[in-house]
N, C-alpha and C. Protein backbone atom coordinates (compact mmCIF):
# COMPACT_ATOMS: atom_id res chain seq x y z
N MET A 1 -29.22 31.48 -59.20
CA MET A 1 -28.40 32.22 -58.26
C MET A 1 -26.94 32.12 -58.66
N LYS A 2 -26.26 33.22 -58.47
CA LYS A 2 -24.85 33.29 -58.83
C LYS A 2 -24.00 32.57 -57.78
N GLU A 3 -23.07 31.76 -58.25
CA GLU A 3 -22.14 31.06 -57.36
C GLU A 3 -20.72 31.48 -57.68
N LEU A 4 -19.82 31.07 -56.81
CA LEU A 4 -18.40 31.35 -57.04
C LEU A 4 -17.90 30.58 -58.25
N PRO A 5 -16.85 31.06 -58.91
CA PRO A 5 -16.21 30.28 -59.97
C PRO A 5 -15.72 28.94 -59.40
N ASP A 6 -15.56 27.96 -60.27
CA ASP A 6 -15.24 26.59 -59.84
C ASP A 6 -14.02 26.50 -58.93
N ASN A 7 -12.95 27.15 -59.29
CA ASN A 7 -11.73 27.05 -58.47
C ASN A 7 -11.93 27.64 -57.07
N LEU A 8 -12.65 28.75 -57.00
CA LEU A 8 -12.93 29.35 -55.69
C LEU A 8 -13.90 28.48 -54.90
N HIS A 9 -14.89 27.91 -55.59
CA HIS A 9 -15.84 27.01 -54.93
C HIS A 9 -15.09 25.81 -54.35
N ASN A 10 -14.14 25.27 -55.09
CA ASN A 10 -13.35 24.13 -54.60
C ASN A 10 -12.52 24.52 -53.37
N ALA A 11 -12.01 25.75 -53.35
CA ALA A 11 -11.26 26.22 -52.18
C ALA A 11 -12.18 26.33 -50.97
N VAL A 12 -13.42 26.77 -51.20
CA VAL A 12 -14.39 26.86 -50.10
C VAL A 12 -14.73 25.45 -49.60
N VAL A 13 -14.93 24.51 -50.50
CA VAL A 13 -15.22 23.13 -50.10
C VAL A 13 -14.06 22.56 -49.28
N ASP A 14 -12.83 22.81 -49.70
CA ASP A 14 -11.66 22.34 -48.93
C ASP A 14 -11.64 22.96 -47.53
N GLY A 15 -11.93 24.26 -47.47
CA GLY A 15 -11.95 24.94 -46.16
C GLY A 15 -13.06 24.42 -45.27
N LEU A 16 -14.23 24.18 -45.84
CA LEU A 16 -15.34 23.64 -45.04
C LEU A 16 -15.03 22.23 -44.56
N THR A 17 -14.34 21.46 -45.38
CA THR A 17 -13.94 20.11 -44.98
C THR A 17 -13.01 20.19 -43.77
N MET A 18 -12.11 21.15 -43.77
CA MET A 18 -11.21 21.33 -42.63
C MET A 18 -12.01 21.70 -41.39
N LEU A 19 -12.98 22.59 -41.54
CA LEU A 19 -13.80 22.99 -40.40
C LEU A 19 -14.65 21.82 -39.89
N LEU A 20 -15.16 20.99 -40.81
CA LEU A 20 -15.94 19.82 -40.40
C LEU A 20 -15.11 18.87 -39.55
N ALA A 21 -13.84 18.74 -39.88
CA ALA A 21 -12.95 17.84 -39.13
C ALA A 21 -12.75 18.33 -37.70
N LEU A 22 -12.93 19.64 -37.46
CA LEU A 22 -12.75 20.18 -36.11
C LEU A 22 -13.94 19.88 -35.20
N ARG A 23 -15.08 19.55 -35.77
CA ARG A 23 -16.30 19.24 -35.02
C ARG A 23 -16.63 20.33 -34.00
N LEU A 24 -16.72 21.55 -34.51
CA LEU A 24 -17.09 22.69 -33.67
C LEU A 24 -18.57 22.61 -33.30
N THR A 25 -18.96 23.34 -32.28
CA THR A 25 -20.36 23.42 -31.90
C THR A 25 -21.14 24.01 -33.07
N GLY A 26 -22.24 23.41 -33.44
CA GLY A 26 -23.07 23.90 -34.53
C GLY A 26 -22.65 23.39 -35.90
N THR A 27 -21.73 22.42 -35.93
CA THR A 27 -21.28 21.86 -37.21
C THR A 27 -22.45 21.17 -37.90
N PRO A 28 -22.68 21.43 -39.20
CA PRO A 28 -23.79 20.77 -39.89
C PRO A 28 -23.55 19.26 -40.02
N ALA A 29 -24.63 18.55 -40.25
CA ALA A 29 -24.54 17.10 -40.40
C ALA A 29 -23.72 16.75 -41.64
N VAL A 30 -23.08 15.60 -41.61
CA VAL A 30 -22.20 15.18 -42.70
C VAL A 30 -22.96 15.06 -44.01
N ASP A 31 -24.23 14.64 -43.96
CA ASP A 31 -24.98 14.46 -45.20
C ASP A 31 -25.44 15.78 -45.82
N THR A 32 -25.23 16.91 -45.11
CA THR A 32 -25.60 18.21 -45.67
C THR A 32 -24.39 19.03 -46.11
N VAL A 33 -23.23 18.40 -46.18
CA VAL A 33 -22.00 19.11 -46.53
C VAL A 33 -22.10 19.75 -47.92
N GLN A 34 -22.63 19.02 -48.88
CA GLN A 34 -22.73 19.56 -50.24
C GLN A 34 -23.65 20.77 -50.28
N ALA A 35 -24.79 20.69 -49.59
CA ALA A 35 -25.72 21.82 -49.54
C ALA A 35 -25.09 23.00 -48.80
N THR A 36 -24.33 22.71 -47.75
CA THR A 36 -23.65 23.78 -47.01
C THR A 36 -22.63 24.49 -47.90
N ALA A 37 -21.87 23.72 -48.65
CA ALA A 37 -20.87 24.30 -49.55
C ALA A 37 -21.54 25.16 -50.61
N GLN A 38 -22.67 24.70 -51.13
CA GLN A 38 -23.37 25.49 -52.15
C GLN A 38 -23.93 26.77 -51.55
N ALA A 39 -24.46 26.69 -50.34
CA ALA A 39 -24.99 27.89 -49.66
C ALA A 39 -23.88 28.90 -49.41
N TRP A 40 -22.71 28.42 -48.99
CA TRP A 40 -21.58 29.32 -48.78
C TRP A 40 -21.15 29.95 -50.10
N SER A 41 -21.14 29.17 -51.15
CA SER A 41 -20.73 29.67 -52.46
C SER A 41 -21.66 30.78 -52.93
N VAL A 42 -22.95 30.60 -52.75
CA VAL A 42 -23.92 31.63 -53.15
C VAL A 42 -23.76 32.87 -52.27
N ALA A 43 -23.60 32.65 -50.96
CA ALA A 43 -23.47 33.78 -50.04
C ALA A 43 -22.20 34.59 -50.32
N LEU A 44 -21.12 33.92 -50.61
CA LEU A 44 -19.86 34.63 -50.87
C LEU A 44 -19.85 35.31 -52.24
N ALA A 45 -20.61 34.77 -53.19
CA ALA A 45 -20.63 35.35 -54.54
C ALA A 45 -21.53 36.58 -54.61
N HIS A 46 -22.47 36.69 -53.70
CA HIS A 46 -23.46 37.77 -53.78
C HIS A 46 -22.80 39.15 -53.61
N GLY A 47 -22.91 39.96 -54.65
CA GLY A 47 -22.45 41.35 -54.61
C GLY A 47 -20.95 41.53 -54.60
N LYS A 48 -20.19 40.53 -54.95
CA LYS A 48 -18.74 40.65 -54.93
C LYS A 48 -18.14 40.25 -56.28
N GLN A 49 -17.03 40.86 -56.60
CA GLN A 49 -16.25 40.48 -57.78
C GLN A 49 -15.04 39.71 -57.28
N TRP A 50 -14.87 38.50 -57.78
CA TRP A 50 -13.77 37.66 -57.34
C TRP A 50 -12.76 37.49 -58.47
N ASP A 51 -11.50 37.47 -58.11
CA ASP A 51 -10.41 37.24 -59.04
C ASP A 51 -9.74 35.93 -58.62
N GLU A 52 -9.93 34.89 -59.43
CA GLU A 52 -9.44 33.57 -59.05
C GLU A 52 -7.95 33.56 -58.73
N ALA A 53 -7.18 34.27 -59.52
CA ALA A 53 -5.72 34.24 -59.34
C ALA A 53 -5.32 34.76 -57.96
N GLN A 54 -5.96 35.81 -57.49
CA GLN A 54 -5.61 36.41 -56.20
C GLN A 54 -6.40 35.80 -55.04
N ASP A 55 -7.66 35.46 -55.29
CA ASP A 55 -8.56 35.16 -54.19
C ASP A 55 -8.50 33.73 -53.69
N ILE A 56 -7.99 32.78 -54.46
CA ILE A 56 -7.88 31.41 -53.96
C ILE A 56 -6.98 31.39 -52.72
N LYS A 57 -5.83 32.04 -52.82
CA LYS A 57 -4.89 32.08 -51.70
C LYS A 57 -5.51 32.82 -50.52
N ARG A 58 -6.25 33.87 -50.76
CA ARG A 58 -6.90 34.62 -49.69
C ARG A 58 -7.95 33.78 -48.97
N ILE A 59 -8.72 33.00 -49.73
CA ILE A 59 -9.75 32.14 -49.13
C ILE A 59 -9.08 31.05 -48.29
N GLN A 60 -8.02 30.46 -48.81
CA GLN A 60 -7.31 29.42 -48.07
C GLN A 60 -6.75 29.98 -46.76
N THR A 61 -6.16 31.16 -46.84
CA THR A 61 -5.61 31.80 -45.64
C THR A 61 -6.71 32.10 -44.64
N ALA A 62 -7.85 32.59 -45.13
CA ALA A 62 -8.97 32.93 -44.24
C ALA A 62 -9.49 31.68 -43.52
N PHE A 63 -9.57 30.56 -44.22
CA PHE A 63 -10.03 29.33 -43.57
C PHE A 63 -9.04 28.86 -42.52
N VAL A 64 -7.75 29.01 -42.77
CA VAL A 64 -6.75 28.63 -41.77
C VAL A 64 -6.89 29.50 -40.52
N VAL A 65 -7.02 30.81 -40.72
CA VAL A 65 -7.19 31.73 -39.59
C VAL A 65 -8.49 31.41 -38.85
N LEU A 66 -9.55 31.20 -39.61
CA LEU A 66 -10.86 30.93 -39.02
C LEU A 66 -10.85 29.63 -38.22
N SER A 67 -10.21 28.60 -38.74
CA SER A 67 -10.16 27.33 -38.02
C SER A 67 -9.35 27.45 -36.74
N GLY A 68 -8.42 28.36 -36.69
CA GLY A 68 -7.62 28.55 -35.49
C GLY A 68 -8.30 29.35 -34.40
N GLN A 69 -9.30 30.15 -34.76
CA GLN A 69 -9.92 31.01 -33.74
C GLN A 69 -11.39 30.72 -33.50
N ALA A 70 -12.04 29.91 -34.33
CA ALA A 70 -13.49 29.67 -34.19
C ALA A 70 -13.77 28.70 -33.05
N LYS A 71 -14.81 29.03 -32.27
CA LYS A 71 -15.26 28.14 -31.20
C LYS A 71 -16.60 27.51 -31.57
N ARG A 72 -17.27 28.13 -32.53
CA ARG A 72 -18.56 27.63 -33.05
C ARG A 72 -18.44 27.55 -34.56
N TRP A 73 -19.41 26.91 -35.19
CA TRP A 73 -19.43 26.83 -36.66
C TRP A 73 -19.60 28.25 -37.20
N PRO A 74 -18.70 28.69 -38.07
CA PRO A 74 -18.74 30.08 -38.56
C PRO A 74 -19.76 30.29 -39.68
N SER A 75 -19.98 31.55 -39.95
CA SER A 75 -20.83 31.94 -41.08
C SER A 75 -19.94 32.46 -42.19
N PRO A 76 -20.48 32.63 -43.39
CA PRO A 76 -19.67 33.20 -44.48
C PRO A 76 -19.10 34.59 -44.14
N SER A 77 -19.85 35.38 -43.37
CA SER A 77 -19.32 36.71 -43.02
C SER A 77 -18.11 36.59 -42.09
N ASP A 78 -18.06 35.54 -41.26
CA ASP A 78 -16.87 35.32 -40.43
C ASP A 78 -15.65 35.05 -41.31
N LEU A 79 -15.87 34.30 -42.39
CA LEU A 79 -14.77 34.02 -43.32
C LEU A 79 -14.29 35.32 -43.97
N LEU A 80 -15.23 36.15 -44.39
CA LEU A 80 -14.86 37.43 -45.03
C LEU A 80 -14.10 38.32 -44.06
N ASP A 81 -14.46 38.27 -42.78
CA ASP A 81 -13.75 39.07 -41.78
C ASP A 81 -12.30 38.62 -41.61
N CYS A 82 -12.04 37.32 -41.81
CA CYS A 82 -10.68 36.78 -41.65
C CYS A 82 -9.85 36.88 -42.93
N MET A 83 -10.47 37.29 -44.02
CA MET A 83 -9.78 37.30 -45.30
C MET A 83 -8.79 38.46 -45.37
N PRO A 84 -7.54 38.16 -45.72
CA PRO A 84 -6.56 39.25 -45.84
C PRO A 84 -6.89 40.13 -47.05
N PRO A 85 -6.42 41.39 -47.03
CA PRO A 85 -6.70 42.27 -48.16
C PRO A 85 -5.96 41.82 -49.41
N ARG A 86 -6.48 42.24 -50.54
CA ARG A 86 -5.80 41.93 -51.81
C ARG A 86 -4.46 42.65 -51.85
N PRO A 87 -3.48 42.03 -52.48
CA PRO A 87 -2.19 42.73 -52.59
C PRO A 87 -2.34 44.00 -53.41
N GLU A 88 -1.59 45.00 -53.02
CA GLU A 88 -1.66 46.28 -53.71
C GLU A 88 -1.06 46.16 -55.10
N ARG A 89 -1.71 46.79 -56.06
CA ARG A 89 -1.21 46.75 -57.43
C ARG A 89 0.09 47.52 -57.55
N LEU A 90 0.91 47.09 -58.47
CA LEU A 90 2.16 47.80 -58.72
C LEU A 90 1.85 49.16 -59.33
N LYS A 91 2.62 50.13 -58.93
CA LYS A 91 2.42 51.48 -59.43
C LYS A 91 3.59 51.85 -60.32
N LEU A 92 3.27 52.55 -61.39
CA LEU A 92 4.33 53.02 -62.28
C LEU A 92 4.90 54.32 -61.72
N GLU A 93 6.18 54.46 -61.84
CA GLU A 93 6.83 55.64 -61.35
C GLU A 93 6.90 56.68 -62.47
N TYR A 94 6.61 57.92 -62.14
CA TYR A 94 6.65 58.99 -63.13
C TYR A 94 8.07 59.54 -63.19
N ARG A 95 8.67 59.48 -64.37
CA ARG A 95 10.06 59.92 -64.53
C ARG A 95 10.22 60.80 -65.76
N HIS A 96 9.51 61.88 -65.85
CA HIS A 96 9.66 62.77 -67.00
C HIS A 96 10.81 63.73 -66.73
N GLN A 97 11.82 63.69 -67.57
CA GLN A 97 12.95 64.59 -67.46
C GLN A 97 13.13 65.30 -68.80
N PRO A 98 12.56 66.49 -68.90
CA PRO A 98 12.64 67.18 -70.19
C PRO A 98 14.08 67.59 -70.53
N THR A 99 14.32 67.60 -71.82
CA THR A 99 15.63 68.02 -72.31
C THR A 99 15.69 69.54 -72.26
N PRO A 100 16.88 70.12 -72.37
CA PRO A 100 16.98 71.59 -72.40
C PRO A 100 16.17 72.21 -73.55
N ALA A 101 16.10 71.52 -74.68
CA ALA A 101 15.31 72.04 -75.80
C ALA A 101 13.82 72.04 -75.45
N GLN A 102 13.36 71.00 -74.78
CA GLN A 102 11.96 70.95 -74.38
C GLN A 102 11.65 72.02 -73.34
N LYS A 103 12.58 72.25 -72.43
CA LYS A 103 12.39 73.30 -71.42
C LYS A 103 12.30 74.67 -72.08
N ALA A 104 13.16 74.91 -73.06
CA ALA A 104 13.14 76.20 -73.77
C ALA A 104 11.84 76.38 -74.53
N ALA A 105 11.37 75.32 -75.18
CA ALA A 105 10.11 75.40 -75.92
C ALA A 105 8.95 75.66 -74.97
N ALA A 106 8.95 75.02 -73.81
CA ALA A 106 7.88 75.22 -72.83
C ALA A 106 7.92 76.65 -72.29
N LYS A 107 9.10 77.18 -72.07
CA LYS A 107 9.25 78.55 -71.58
C LYS A 107 8.71 79.55 -72.61
N GLN A 108 8.98 79.28 -73.89
CA GLN A 108 8.50 80.15 -74.95
C GLN A 108 6.97 80.11 -75.03
N VAL A 109 6.40 78.92 -74.92
CA VAL A 109 4.94 78.80 -74.96
C VAL A 109 4.31 79.52 -73.77
N MET A 110 4.92 79.38 -72.58
CA MET A 110 4.39 80.06 -71.40
C MET A 110 4.47 81.57 -71.56
N ALA A 111 5.52 82.07 -72.19
CA ALA A 111 5.63 83.51 -72.43
C ALA A 111 4.53 83.98 -73.37
N GLN A 112 4.23 83.21 -74.42
CA GLN A 112 3.13 83.56 -75.33
C GLN A 112 1.80 83.56 -74.61
N ILE A 113 1.57 82.58 -73.76
CA ILE A 113 0.31 82.51 -73.01
C ILE A 113 0.18 83.70 -72.08
N ASN A 114 1.25 84.04 -71.37
CA ASN A 114 1.22 85.17 -70.44
C ASN A 114 1.00 86.49 -71.18
N ALA A 115 1.60 86.62 -72.37
CA ALA A 115 1.40 87.84 -73.16
C ALA A 115 -0.04 87.96 -73.62
N ALA A 116 -0.62 86.85 -74.03
CA ALA A 116 -2.03 86.87 -74.45
C ALA A 116 -2.94 87.18 -73.28
N LEU A 117 -2.63 86.65 -72.11
CA LEU A 117 -3.46 86.92 -70.93
C LEU A 117 -3.34 88.38 -70.49
N ALA A 118 -2.16 88.97 -70.63
CA ALA A 118 -1.98 90.37 -70.23
C ALA A 118 -2.86 91.30 -71.07
N LYS A 119 -3.13 90.91 -72.32
CA LYS A 119 -3.97 91.73 -73.20
C LYS A 119 -5.45 91.41 -73.07
N ALA A 120 -5.79 90.38 -72.34
CA ALA A 120 -7.18 89.95 -72.23
C ALA A 120 -8.00 91.00 -71.48
N PRO A 121 -9.26 91.20 -71.89
CA PRO A 121 -10.09 92.22 -71.24
C PRO A 121 -10.27 92.01 -69.74
N CYS A 122 -10.30 90.78 -69.32
CA CYS A 122 -10.51 90.53 -67.89
C CYS A 122 -9.32 90.99 -67.05
N MET A 123 -8.16 91.17 -67.67
CA MET A 123 -6.98 91.62 -66.95
C MET A 123 -6.84 93.14 -66.95
N GLN A 124 -7.63 93.84 -67.75
CA GLN A 124 -7.59 95.31 -67.81
C GLN A 124 -8.54 95.86 -66.74
N ARG A 125 -8.03 96.09 -65.56
CA ARG A 125 -8.89 96.47 -64.44
C ARG A 125 -8.76 97.94 -64.05
N ASP A 126 -8.06 98.71 -64.82
CA ASP A 126 -7.91 100.13 -64.48
C ASP A 126 -9.26 100.83 -64.43
N TRP A 127 -10.17 100.42 -65.29
CA TRP A 127 -11.48 101.07 -65.34
C TRP A 127 -12.32 100.75 -64.10
N ILE A 128 -11.98 99.67 -63.38
CA ILE A 128 -12.73 99.33 -62.17
C ILE A 128 -12.08 99.97 -60.95
N HIS A 129 -10.79 99.75 -60.77
CA HIS A 129 -10.11 100.15 -59.56
C HIS A 129 -9.23 101.39 -59.72
N GLY A 130 -9.10 101.88 -60.91
CA GLY A 130 -8.19 102.98 -61.13
C GLY A 130 -6.78 102.47 -61.26
N PRO A 131 -5.80 103.36 -61.36
CA PRO A 131 -4.42 102.92 -61.49
C PRO A 131 -4.00 102.12 -60.26
N ARG A 132 -3.05 101.24 -60.46
CA ARG A 132 -2.68 100.32 -59.39
C ARG A 132 -1.89 101.01 -58.28
N SER A 133 -1.17 102.08 -58.59
CA SER A 133 -0.41 102.75 -57.54
C SER A 133 -0.55 104.25 -57.71
N ARG A 134 -0.50 104.93 -56.60
CA ARG A 134 -0.60 106.39 -56.61
C ARG A 134 0.66 106.94 -55.97
N SER A 135 0.97 108.13 -56.37
CA SER A 135 2.13 108.78 -55.76
C SER A 135 1.73 109.28 -54.38
N VAL A 136 2.73 109.60 -53.58
CA VAL A 136 2.47 110.10 -52.22
C VAL A 136 1.72 111.43 -52.30
N ASP A 137 2.11 112.28 -53.23
CA ASP A 137 1.45 113.58 -53.36
C ASP A 137 -0.02 113.39 -53.73
N GLU A 138 -0.31 112.46 -54.61
CA GLU A 138 -1.69 112.21 -55.01
C GLU A 138 -2.52 111.70 -53.83
N CYS A 139 -1.94 110.83 -53.02
CA CYS A 139 -2.64 110.30 -51.85
C CYS A 139 -2.93 111.43 -50.86
N ARG A 140 -1.97 112.34 -50.68
CA ARG A 140 -2.19 113.48 -49.76
C ARG A 140 -3.31 114.38 -50.27
N ARG A 141 -3.32 114.60 -51.58
CA ARG A 141 -4.37 115.43 -52.17
C ARG A 141 -5.75 114.80 -51.96
N ILE A 142 -5.86 113.50 -52.18
CA ILE A 142 -7.14 112.80 -52.01
C ILE A 142 -7.56 112.84 -50.55
N TYR A 143 -6.62 112.64 -49.64
CA TYR A 143 -6.93 112.67 -48.21
C TYR A 143 -7.40 114.06 -47.79
N ALA A 144 -6.72 115.08 -48.29
CA ALA A 144 -7.10 116.45 -47.94
C ALA A 144 -8.50 116.76 -48.48
N ALA A 145 -8.81 116.30 -49.69
CA ALA A 145 -10.13 116.56 -50.25
C ALA A 145 -11.21 115.85 -49.42
N ARG A 146 -10.95 114.68 -48.95
CA ARG A 146 -11.92 113.95 -48.12
C ARG A 146 -12.11 114.64 -46.76
N GLN A 147 -11.03 115.17 -46.21
CA GLN A 147 -11.13 115.85 -44.93
C GLN A 147 -11.95 117.14 -45.05
N LYS A 148 -11.83 117.85 -46.18
CA LYS A 148 -12.63 119.06 -46.39
C LYS A 148 -14.10 118.74 -46.51
N GLY A 149 -14.37 117.57 -47.12
CA GLY A 149 -15.75 117.16 -47.29
C GLY A 149 -16.42 116.78 -45.98
N LYS A 150 -15.64 116.40 -44.98
CA LYS A 150 -16.21 115.98 -43.68
C LYS A 150 -16.59 117.17 -42.82
N LYS A 151 -16.01 118.33 -43.09
CA LYS A 151 -16.26 119.51 -42.25
C LYS A 151 -17.59 120.11 -42.50
């Protein structure tokens, strides 16, 4: 069975020792402390990735919080509920400031792309929809022809 890394296991043992000193209801017998610590270590290691550098402090904090609010002997899930979140990772700031030469080069490339797209077959839609705009006289002629057809 997978257990916590040694440093984290030692932090759990220290926290359990603190809880044992409180003599809460349901506290395990003194001669089972080692087995209790091992059971907690297995339970906490199951399905979790632990980072010793960050998580030792989190486990210590959780035991302090837990010892202050527990009225009965807690379970490993009670400890996890009291554990503060991991500190947020530092984020890099994006600071791209193109030079005027880079801006001009980008503008030229965009003009080439737009020119190529204008000639692309998918952009030639006159054959589907006809010309994009009609004159007023042409619209009147079409309307008049439709009205004659309705009579």
